[in-house]
N, C-alpha and C. Protein backbone atom coordinates (compact mmCIF):
# COMPACT_ATOMS: atom_id res chain seq x y z
N UNK A 1 -26.24 -3.88 -2.59
CA UNK A 1 -26.39 -5.16 -1.93
C UNK A 1 -27.85 -5.58 -1.90
N UNK A 2 -28.70 -4.80 -2.49
CA UNK A 2 -30.13 -5.13 -2.52
C UNK A 2 -30.46 -5.93 -3.77
N UNK A 3 -30.26 -7.25 -3.72
CA UNK A 3 -30.57 -8.11 -4.85
C UNK A 3 -31.50 -9.22 -4.41
N UNK A 4 -32.29 -9.69 -5.33
CA UNK A 4 -33.20 -10.80 -5.01
C UNK A 4 -32.42 -12.10 -4.96
N UNK A 5 -32.90 -13.02 -4.18
CA UNK A 5 -32.21 -14.30 -4.01
C UNK A 5 -32.32 -15.14 -5.28
N UNK A 6 -31.25 -15.85 -5.58
CA UNK A 6 -31.27 -16.82 -6.67
C UNK A 6 -30.88 -16.29 -8.03
N UNK A 7 -30.59 -15.04 -8.17
CA UNK A 7 -30.28 -14.47 -9.49
C UNK A 7 -28.78 -14.26 -9.71
N UNK A 8 -27.99 -14.34 -8.68
CA UNK A 8 -26.56 -14.07 -8.83
C UNK A 8 -26.29 -12.58 -8.92
N UNK A 9 -25.07 -12.21 -8.76
CA UNK A 9 -24.72 -10.79 -8.76
C UNK A 9 -23.67 -10.45 -9.81
N UNK A 10 -23.22 -11.42 -10.58
CA UNK A 10 -22.21 -11.14 -11.59
C UNK A 10 -20.81 -11.25 -11.02
N UNK A 11 -19.83 -11.06 -11.88
CA UNK A 11 -18.43 -11.17 -11.48
C UNK A 11 -17.94 -9.88 -10.83
N UNK A 12 -17.03 -10.00 -9.86
CA UNK A 12 -16.44 -8.78 -9.26
C UNK A 12 -15.65 -8.02 -10.33
N UNK A 13 -15.69 -6.71 -10.26
CA UNK A 13 -14.98 -5.88 -11.23
C UNK A 13 -13.58 -5.50 -10.77
N UNK A 14 -13.31 -5.59 -9.49
CA UNK A 14 -11.99 -5.24 -8.99
C UNK A 14 -11.94 -5.34 -7.48
N UNK A 15 -10.78 -5.05 -6.91
CA UNK A 15 -10.59 -5.12 -5.47
C UNK A 15 -10.28 -3.73 -4.93
N UNK A 16 -10.67 -3.49 -3.69
CA UNK A 16 -10.46 -2.18 -3.06
C UNK A 16 -9.89 -2.41 -1.66
N UNK A 17 -8.95 -1.58 -1.27
CA UNK A 17 -8.43 -1.58 0.10
C UNK A 17 -8.51 -0.15 0.62
N UNK A 18 -9.14 0.03 1.77
CA UNK A 18 -9.24 1.35 2.38
C UNK A 18 -7.97 1.60 3.18
N UNK A 19 -7.25 2.66 2.83
CA UNK A 19 -6.00 3.01 3.51
C UNK A 19 -6.16 4.40 4.11
N UNK A 20 -6.13 4.46 5.42
CA UNK A 20 -6.31 5.74 6.11
C UNK A 20 -4.97 6.48 6.18
N UNK A 21 -5.01 7.81 6.24
CA UNK A 21 -3.77 8.59 6.34
C UNK A 21 -2.96 8.18 7.56
N UNK A 22 -1.63 8.11 7.39
CA UNK A 22 -0.75 7.75 8.49
C UNK A 22 -0.48 6.26 8.60
N UNK A 23 -1.10 5.47 7.77
CA UNK A 23 -0.94 4.01 7.83
C UNK A 23 0.40 3.59 7.23
N UNK A 24 1.15 2.74 7.96
CA UNK A 24 2.40 2.20 7.44
C UNK A 24 2.05 1.05 6.49
N UNK A 25 2.48 1.17 5.24
CA UNK A 25 2.14 0.15 4.26
C UNK A 25 3.27 -0.84 4.04
N UNK A 26 4.51 -0.38 4.12
CA UNK A 26 5.67 -1.25 3.88
C UNK A 26 6.72 -0.99 4.95
N UNK A 27 7.34 -2.05 5.44
CA UNK A 27 8.49 -1.94 6.33
C UNK A 27 9.63 -2.70 5.68
N UNK A 28 10.81 -2.10 5.68
CA UNK A 28 11.98 -2.70 5.04
C UNK A 28 13.12 -2.72 6.03
N UNK A 29 13.82 -3.85 6.10
CA UNK A 29 15.01 -3.93 6.94
C UNK A 29 16.02 -4.85 6.27
N UNK A 30 17.27 -4.68 6.64
CA UNK A 30 18.32 -5.54 6.13
C UNK A 30 18.89 -5.12 4.78
N UNK A 31 18.53 -3.93 4.31
CA UNK A 31 19.09 -3.42 3.06
C UNK A 31 19.58 -2.00 3.30
N UNK A 32 20.53 -1.52 2.50
CA UNK A 32 21.00 -0.14 2.65
C UNK A 32 19.85 0.86 2.44
N UNK A 33 19.92 1.98 3.15
CA UNK A 33 18.86 2.99 3.06
C UNK A 33 18.64 3.47 1.63
N UNK A 34 19.72 3.67 0.88
CA UNK A 34 19.59 4.15 -0.50
C UNK A 34 18.77 3.18 -1.36
N UNK A 35 19.00 1.89 -1.20
CA UNK A 35 18.26 0.87 -1.95
C UNK A 35 16.80 0.84 -1.50
N UNK A 36 16.56 0.96 -0.20
CA UNK A 36 15.20 0.97 0.32
C UNK A 36 14.42 2.18 -0.20
N UNK A 37 15.08 3.35 -0.22
CA UNK A 37 14.42 4.55 -0.72
C UNK A 37 14.03 4.41 -2.20
N UNK A 38 14.94 3.84 -2.99
CA UNK A 38 14.65 3.66 -4.42
C UNK A 38 13.51 2.68 -4.62
N UNK A 39 13.50 1.59 -3.86
CA UNK A 39 12.43 0.60 -3.97
C UNK A 39 11.08 1.22 -3.58
N UNK A 40 11.06 2.02 -2.53
CA UNK A 40 9.81 2.65 -2.10
C UNK A 40 9.37 3.73 -3.09
N UNK A 41 10.34 4.40 -3.73
CA UNK A 41 9.99 5.40 -4.74
C UNK A 41 9.28 4.72 -5.91
N UNK A 42 9.83 3.61 -6.38
CA UNK A 42 9.22 2.89 -7.50
C UNK A 42 7.84 2.36 -7.10
N UNK A 43 7.74 1.79 -5.91
CA UNK A 43 6.45 1.26 -5.44
C UNK A 43 5.42 2.38 -5.30
N UNK A 44 5.87 3.54 -4.81
CA UNK A 44 4.97 4.68 -4.61
C UNK A 44 4.37 5.18 -5.91
N UNK A 45 5.12 5.08 -7.00
CA UNK A 45 4.59 5.53 -8.30
C UNK A 45 3.48 4.62 -8.80
N UNK A 46 3.41 3.41 -8.29
CA UNK A 46 2.39 2.47 -8.73
C UNK A 46 1.11 2.58 -7.90
N UNK A 47 1.14 3.37 -6.85
CA UNK A 47 -0.03 3.53 -5.99
C UNK A 47 -0.78 4.81 -6.34
N UNK A 48 -2.11 4.76 -6.27
CA UNK A 48 -2.90 5.94 -6.63
C UNK A 48 -3.08 6.92 -5.46
N UNK A 49 -2.04 7.08 -4.64
CA UNK A 49 -2.12 8.00 -3.52
C UNK A 49 -0.74 8.56 -3.22
N UNK A 50 -0.71 9.60 -2.42
CA UNK A 50 0.55 10.25 -2.08
C UNK A 50 1.27 9.41 -1.03
N UNK A 51 2.58 9.20 -1.22
CA UNK A 51 3.35 8.40 -0.27
C UNK A 51 4.50 9.22 0.31
N UNK A 52 5.02 8.75 1.45
CA UNK A 52 6.13 9.44 2.11
C UNK A 52 7.03 8.39 2.74
N UNK A 53 8.35 8.54 2.59
CA UNK A 53 9.33 7.65 3.19
C UNK A 53 9.63 8.17 4.59
N UNK A 54 9.45 7.34 5.60
CA UNK A 54 9.79 7.72 6.97
C UNK A 54 10.75 6.69 7.53
N UNK A 55 11.57 7.13 8.50
CA UNK A 55 12.55 6.25 9.12
C UNK A 55 12.39 6.33 10.63
N UNK A 56 12.43 5.18 11.26
CA UNK A 56 12.30 5.10 12.72
C UNK A 56 13.46 5.83 13.38
N UNK A 57 13.17 6.59 14.44
CA UNK A 57 14.22 7.30 15.17
C UNK A 57 15.15 6.29 15.81
N UNK A 58 16.45 6.55 15.68
CA UNK A 58 17.44 5.67 16.27
C UNK A 58 17.68 4.41 15.45
N UNK A 59 17.15 4.36 14.22
CA UNK A 59 17.36 3.20 13.36
C UNK A 59 18.83 3.15 12.93
N UNK A 60 19.32 1.95 12.70
CA UNK A 60 20.70 1.78 12.26
C UNK A 60 20.92 2.49 10.94
N UNK A 61 22.00 3.20 10.84
CA UNK A 61 22.28 3.94 9.61
C UNK A 61 22.99 3.08 8.62
């Protein structure tokens, strides 16, 4: 971030999001559990981090 004024900094190379452990990234409702699990499995393969499917206690089966 140490640049002189008036010279520009160039184009951004990409975007970053800081995700801390334990953070809920996706919530799904209104679909069967089997379909939700498959969708989250596919989405998890596209993320560069380890994912885990969790279900709220007492959630409708």
